[in-house]
Amino acid sequence: MGQKKLIRFEEIRHFSNVLEYPSQMKGKWHEFFGNNHPITLELACGKGEYAVGLGRLHPEQNFIGIDIKGNRIWRGAKTALEEKLDNVAFIRSAIDQVTNYFTAQEVAGIWITFPDPQLRESRSKKRLTHPRFLRLYQQFLAPGGRVHLKTDSPVLYTFTLEVINLFGLSLLYHTDNLYGGADVSAELSIKTHYEGLDIAGSQCIHYICFLLDQPLPTEKDVILKKQTSEPGID
């Protein structure tokens, strides 16, 4: 591990707005923030640009970014501290542990911003919009809570639409070219480091907003796998 990463790992241990694997916080986040404002999560937050950006836009709400990479979280956490954004915090943890930190209906909304699209079909269960993960989110997302996905990956975009359709979830909005048409809201105009890299080479940003308002029976996962399998990709 590089010296810079080691320094940042040590620094975030002393940041008041960073918690590592905080199972003790389940059901107690309003005590942490000192208010009863709605809580929104940014999953796989990277450098935390969305959590910080949303925190600036909505001081009447609380935002928590989650990522396993502490050296990435450092940037967003440090910015939030410097700007005195008391409504922004970060959790260092893998996403599949997220139900350890939140109780039923404790979260008002979820943003998934430029996650690893896990392009190989054999790794599709690691996609953060796979039913495996959506079932986790259902355990703490309040009724009517929106899930937002921003990605430059056509594969992840199409896959997520397939999931929504198969399970009959409410699709509120989607576009395969977010910046190509009408005016974009301030929330959707927030840009992350990874958005600027255009790793997928698509030169388009895809966006989906949907609800987790239907059951997600595991037996349908087999159907999903058949529908989304691509010959020649393993």
Protein backbone atom coordinates (compact mmCIF):
# COMPACT_ATOMS: atom_id res chain seq x y z
CA MET A 1 0.00 0.00 0.00
CA GLY A 2 1.32 3.46 -0.94
CA GLN A 3 2.43 5.95 1.69
CA LYS A 4 -0.37 8.39 0.77
CA LYS A 5 -3.02 5.69 1.29
CA LEU A 6 -1.54 4.77 4.66
CA ILE A 7 -1.63 8.42 5.74
CA ARG A 8 -5.24 8.79 4.66
CA PHE A 9 -6.31 5.58 6.38
CA GLU A 10 -4.79 6.89 9.59
CA GLU A 11 -6.44 10.30 9.18
CA ILE A 12 -9.97 8.99 8.69
CA ARG A 13 -9.69 7.04 11.93
CA HIS A 14 -9.82 10.42 13.63
CA PHE A 15 -12.49 12.03 11.41
CA SER A 16 -15.70 12.62 13.36
CA ASN A 17 -17.78 12.01 10.24
CA VAL A 18 -16.33 8.60 9.29
CA LEU A 19 -17.42 5.35 10.93
CA GLU A 20 -16.00 1.90 10.19
CA TYR A 21 -18.42 -1.04 10.27
CA PRO A 22 -20.73 0.82 12.69
CA SER A 23 -23.20 -1.90 13.67
CA GLN A 24 -23.84 -0.01 16.90
CA MET A 25 -25.51 2.79 14.89
CA LYS A 26 -28.42 0.70 13.63
CA GLY A 27 -31.57 2.65 14.43
CA LYS A 28 -29.58 5.50 16.00
CA TRP A 29 -28.54 7.70 13.10
CA HIS A 30 -30.83 10.53 14.12
CA GLU A 31 -28.92 10.66 17.40
CA PHE A 32 -25.66 10.85 15.45
CA PHE A 33 -26.90 13.77 13.31
CA GLY A 34 -28.78 15.38 16.19
CA ASN A 35 -32.00 15.74 14.21
CA ASN A 36 -34.87 13.78 12.66
CA HIS A 37 -34.16 14.77 9.08
CA PRO A 38 -34.51 12.17 6.29
CA ILE A 39 -31.43 10.04 5.61
CA THR A 40 -30.21 9.30 2.08
CA LEU A 41 -27.42 6.85 1.23
CA GLU A 42 -24.83 7.07 -1.51
CA LEU A 43 -23.70 3.50 -2.16
CA ALA A 44 -20.20 2.80 -3.51
CA CYS A 45 -19.61 6.50 -2.94
CA GLY A 46 -15.96 6.59 -4.00
CA LYS A 47 -14.69 10.07 -3.20
CA GLY A 48 -18.11 11.07 -1.91
CA GLU A 49 -18.90 13.77 -4.45
CA TYR A 50 -22.59 12.95 -4.44
CA ALA A 51 -22.99 12.78 -0.66
CA VAL A 52 -21.18 16.11 -0.34
CA GLY A 53 -23.01 17.68 -3.28
CA LEU A 54 -26.41 16.62 -1.99
CA GLY A 55 -25.47 17.81 1.49
CA ARG A 56 -24.75 21.27 0.09
CA LEU A 57 -28.06 21.35 -1.79
CA HIS A 58 -30.21 20.02 1.04
CA PRO A 59 -29.16 21.16 4.51
CA GLU A 60 -32.56 19.92 5.72
CA GLN A 61 -31.57 16.32 4.96
CA ASN A 62 -28.81 13.93 6.07
CA PHE A 63 -26.53 12.02 3.72
CA ILE A 64 -24.28 9.01 4.27
CA GLY A 65 -21.75 7.74 1.74
CA ILE A 66 -20.67 4.10 1.93
CA ASP A 67 -17.54 2.58 0.39
CA ILE A 68 -14.93 0.00 1.34
CA LYS A 69 -12.02 2.13 0.11
CA GLY A 70 -10.96 4.37 2.98
CA ASN A 71 -8.47 6.33 0.89
CA ARG A 72 -11.32 7.36 -1.41
CA ILE A 73 -13.71 8.25 1.41
CA TRP A 74 -10.99 10.50 2.82
CA ARG A 75 -11.56 13.09 0.11
CA GLY A 76 -15.30 13.49 0.65
CA ALA A 77 -15.05 13.32 4.43
CA LYS A 78 -12.32 15.96 4.53
CA THR A 79 -14.32 18.27 2.26
CA ALA A 80 -17.42 17.86 4.44
CA LEU A 81 -15.40 18.70 7.56
CA GLU A 82 -13.77 21.73 5.91
CA GLU A 83 -17.16 23.04 4.75
CA LYS A 84 -18.79 22.22 8.11
CA LEU A 85 -21.40 20.02 6.43
CA ASP A 86 -22.75 18.44 9.60
CA ASN A 87 -25.40 16.62 7.55
CA VAL A 88 -22.83 14.48 5.70
CA ALA A 89 -21.14 11.35 7.04
CA PHE A 90 -19.38 8.26 5.69
CA ILE A 91 -19.28 4.56 6.47
CA ARG A 92 -16.30 2.40 5.55
CA SER A 93 -17.75 -1.01 4.75
CA ALA A 94 -18.58 -3.39 1.94
CA ILE A 95 -22.06 -2.77 0.54
CA ASP A 96 -23.24 -6.31 1.26
CA GLN A 97 -22.95 -5.49 4.98
CA VAL A 98 -25.29 -2.49 4.75
CA THR A 99 -28.22 -4.10 6.60
CA ASN A 100 -26.02 -4.24 9.70
CA TYR A 101 -26.14 -0.44 9.96
CA PHE A 102 -29.77 0.53 9.31
CA THR A 103 -33.09 -0.60 10.69
CA ALA A 104 -36.47 -0.86 8.91
CA GLN A 105 -37.58 2.37 7.19
CA GLU A 106 -34.57 4.30 8.51
CA VAL A 107 -33.44 5.38 5.02
CA ALA A 108 -35.45 7.72 2.79
CA GLY A 109 -33.58 7.28 -0.49
CA ILE A 110 -30.60 5.68 -2.22
CA TRP A 111 -28.15 6.93 -4.83
CA ILE A 112 -25.92 4.49 -6.71
CA THR A 113 -23.40 6.61 -8.57
CA PHE A 114 -21.03 5.10 -11.12
CA PRO A 115 -20.51 1.74 -9.43
CA ASP A 116 -18.38 -1.00 -10.95
CA PRO A 117 -20.73 -2.42 -13.64
CA GLN A 118 -19.27 -5.91 -13.23
CA LEU A 119 -19.37 -6.50 -16.97
CA ARG A 120 -18.82 -10.25 -16.98
CA GLU A 121 -22.12 -12.12 -16.80
CA SER A 122 -20.60 -14.46 -14.22
CA ARG A 123 -20.23 -11.45 -11.90
CA SER A 124 -23.72 -10.03 -12.43
CA LYS A 125 -24.69 -10.84 -8.83
CA LYS A 126 -22.14 -8.23 -7.75
CA ARG A 127 -23.99 -5.47 -9.60
CA LEU A 128 -25.53 -3.12 -7.06
CA THR A 129 -28.90 -3.25 -8.82
CA HIS A 130 -29.02 -7.06 -8.84
CA PRO A 131 -32.02 -8.42 -6.88
CA ARG A 132 -29.54 -9.81 -4.36
CA PHE A 133 -28.71 -6.24 -3.36
CA LEU A 134 -32.18 -4.81 -3.87
CA ARG A 135 -33.47 -7.27 -1.26
CA LEU A 136 -30.99 -5.79 1.18
CA TYR A 137 -32.13 -2.24 0.44
CA GLN A 138 -35.77 -3.23 0.98
CA GLN A 139 -34.94 -4.08 4.57
CA PHE A 140 -34.29 -0.45 5.49
CA LEU A 141 -35.74 1.75 2.71
CA ALA A 142 -38.89 3.61 3.71
CA PRO A 143 -42.07 3.16 1.59
CA GLY A 144 -41.87 5.43 -1.43
CA GLY A 145 -38.09 5.76 -1.09
CA ARG A 146 -36.48 6.28 -4.47
CA VAL A 147 -33.47 4.46 -5.84
CA HIS A 148 -31.35 6.50 -8.27
CA LEU A 149 -28.75 5.00 -10.58
CA LYS A 150 -26.26 7.08 -12.58
CA THR A 151 -23.85 5.16 -14.78
CA ASP A 152 -21.92 5.42 -18.01
CA SER A 153 -22.30 1.67 -18.57
CA PRO A 154 -24.92 0.63 -21.14
CA VAL A 155 -24.65 -2.91 -19.74
CA LEU A 156 -25.59 -1.88 -16.20
CA TYR A 157 -28.30 0.46 -17.47
CA THR A 158 -29.96 -2.25 -19.59
CA PHE A 159 -29.55 -4.85 -16.86
CA THR A 160 -31.24 -2.60 -14.30
CA LEU A 161 -34.18 -1.95 -16.62
CA GLU A 162 -34.52 -5.73 -17.06
CA VAL A 163 -34.62 -6.18 -13.28
CA ILE A 164 -37.25 -3.47 -12.88
CA ASN A 165 -39.41 -4.99 -15.61
CA LEU A 166 -39.08 -8.59 -14.43
CA PHE A 167 -40.04 -7.83 -10.83
CA GLY A 168 -42.71 -5.26 -11.71
CA LEU A 169 -41.05 -2.40 -9.85
CA SER A 170 -42.27 1.14 -10.48
CA LEU A 171 -40.04 2.86 -13.01
CA LEU A 172 -40.33 6.61 -12.42
CA TYR A 173 -37.87 7.86 -15.03
CA HIS A 174 -35.04 6.68 -17.21
CA THR A 175 -32.84 8.05 -19.96
CA ASP A 176 -29.80 6.74 -21.83
CA ASN A 177 -28.51 10.29 -22.40
CA LEU A 178 -29.01 12.40 -19.30
CA TYR A 179 -27.33 15.53 -20.60
CA GLY A 180 -28.61 15.24 -24.14
CA GLY A 181 -31.97 16.94 -23.85
CA ALA A 182 -33.95 18.99 -21.38
CA ASP A 183 -32.52 20.92 -18.46
CA VAL A 184 -31.00 18.72 -15.78
CA SER A 185 -31.81 19.26 -12.11
CA ALA A 186 -29.17 20.42 -9.66
CA GLU A 187 -29.12 16.95 -8.06
CA LEU A 188 -28.47 15.21 -11.37
CA SER A 189 -25.86 17.79 -12.37
CA ILE A 190 -23.49 16.69 -9.60
CA LYS A 191 -20.51 15.02 -11.29
CA THR A 192 -18.21 12.46 -9.74
CA HIS A 193 -14.56 11.80 -10.49
CA TYR A 194 -15.52 8.56 -12.25
CA GLU A 195 -18.15 10.23 -14.39
CA GLY A 196 -15.45 12.45 -15.83
CA LEU A 197 -13.27 9.48 -16.73
CA ASP A 198 -15.88 7.98 -19.12
CA ILE A 199 -14.46 4.53 -18.42
CA ALA A 200 -17.19 2.80 -20.44
CA GLY A 201 -16.37 4.95 -23.48
CA SER A 202 -20.08 5.47 -24.09
CA GLN A 203 -19.85 9.28 -23.97
CA CYS A 204 -23.36 9.19 -22.49
CA ILE A 205 -24.61 9.21 -18.91
CA HIS A 206 -27.52 6.90 -18.17
CA TYR A 207 -29.97 7.52 -15.35
CA ILE A 208 -32.76 5.48 -13.78
CA CYS A 209 -35.10 6.33 -10.91
CA PHE A 210 -37.32 3.57 -9.50
CA LEU A 211 -39.10 2.24 -6.41
CA LEU A 212 -38.63 -1.03 -4.55
CA ASP A 213 -42.37 -1.40 -4.20
CA GLN A 214 -42.86 -5.08 -5.06
CA PRO A 215 -41.66 -8.39 -3.60
CA LEU A 216 -38.43 -9.75 -5.09
CA PRO A 217 -38.87 -13.55 -5.07
CA THR A 218 -35.57 -15.37 -5.42
CA GLU A 219 -36.98 -17.87 -7.92
CA LYS A 220 -37.10 -15.10 -10.53
CA ASP A 221 -33.32 -14.72 -10.37
CA VAL A 222 -33.01 -17.73 -12.67
CA ILE A 223 -35.23 -16.02 -15.22
CA LEU A 224 -33.16 -12.85 -14.93
CA LYS A 225 -29.97 -14.77 -15.56
CA LYS A 226 -31.40 -16.30 -18.74
CA GLN A 227 -32.71 -12.94 -19.97
CA THR A 228 -29.48 -11.06 -19.41
CA SER A 229 -26.89 -13.67 -20.40
CA GLU A 230 -24.76 -12.64 -23.34
CA PRO A 231 -23.18 -15.31 -25.52
CA GLY A 232 -19.40 -15.20 -25.36
CA ILE A 233 -19.26 -13.37 -22.01
CA ASP A 234 -18.46 -15.37 -18.89
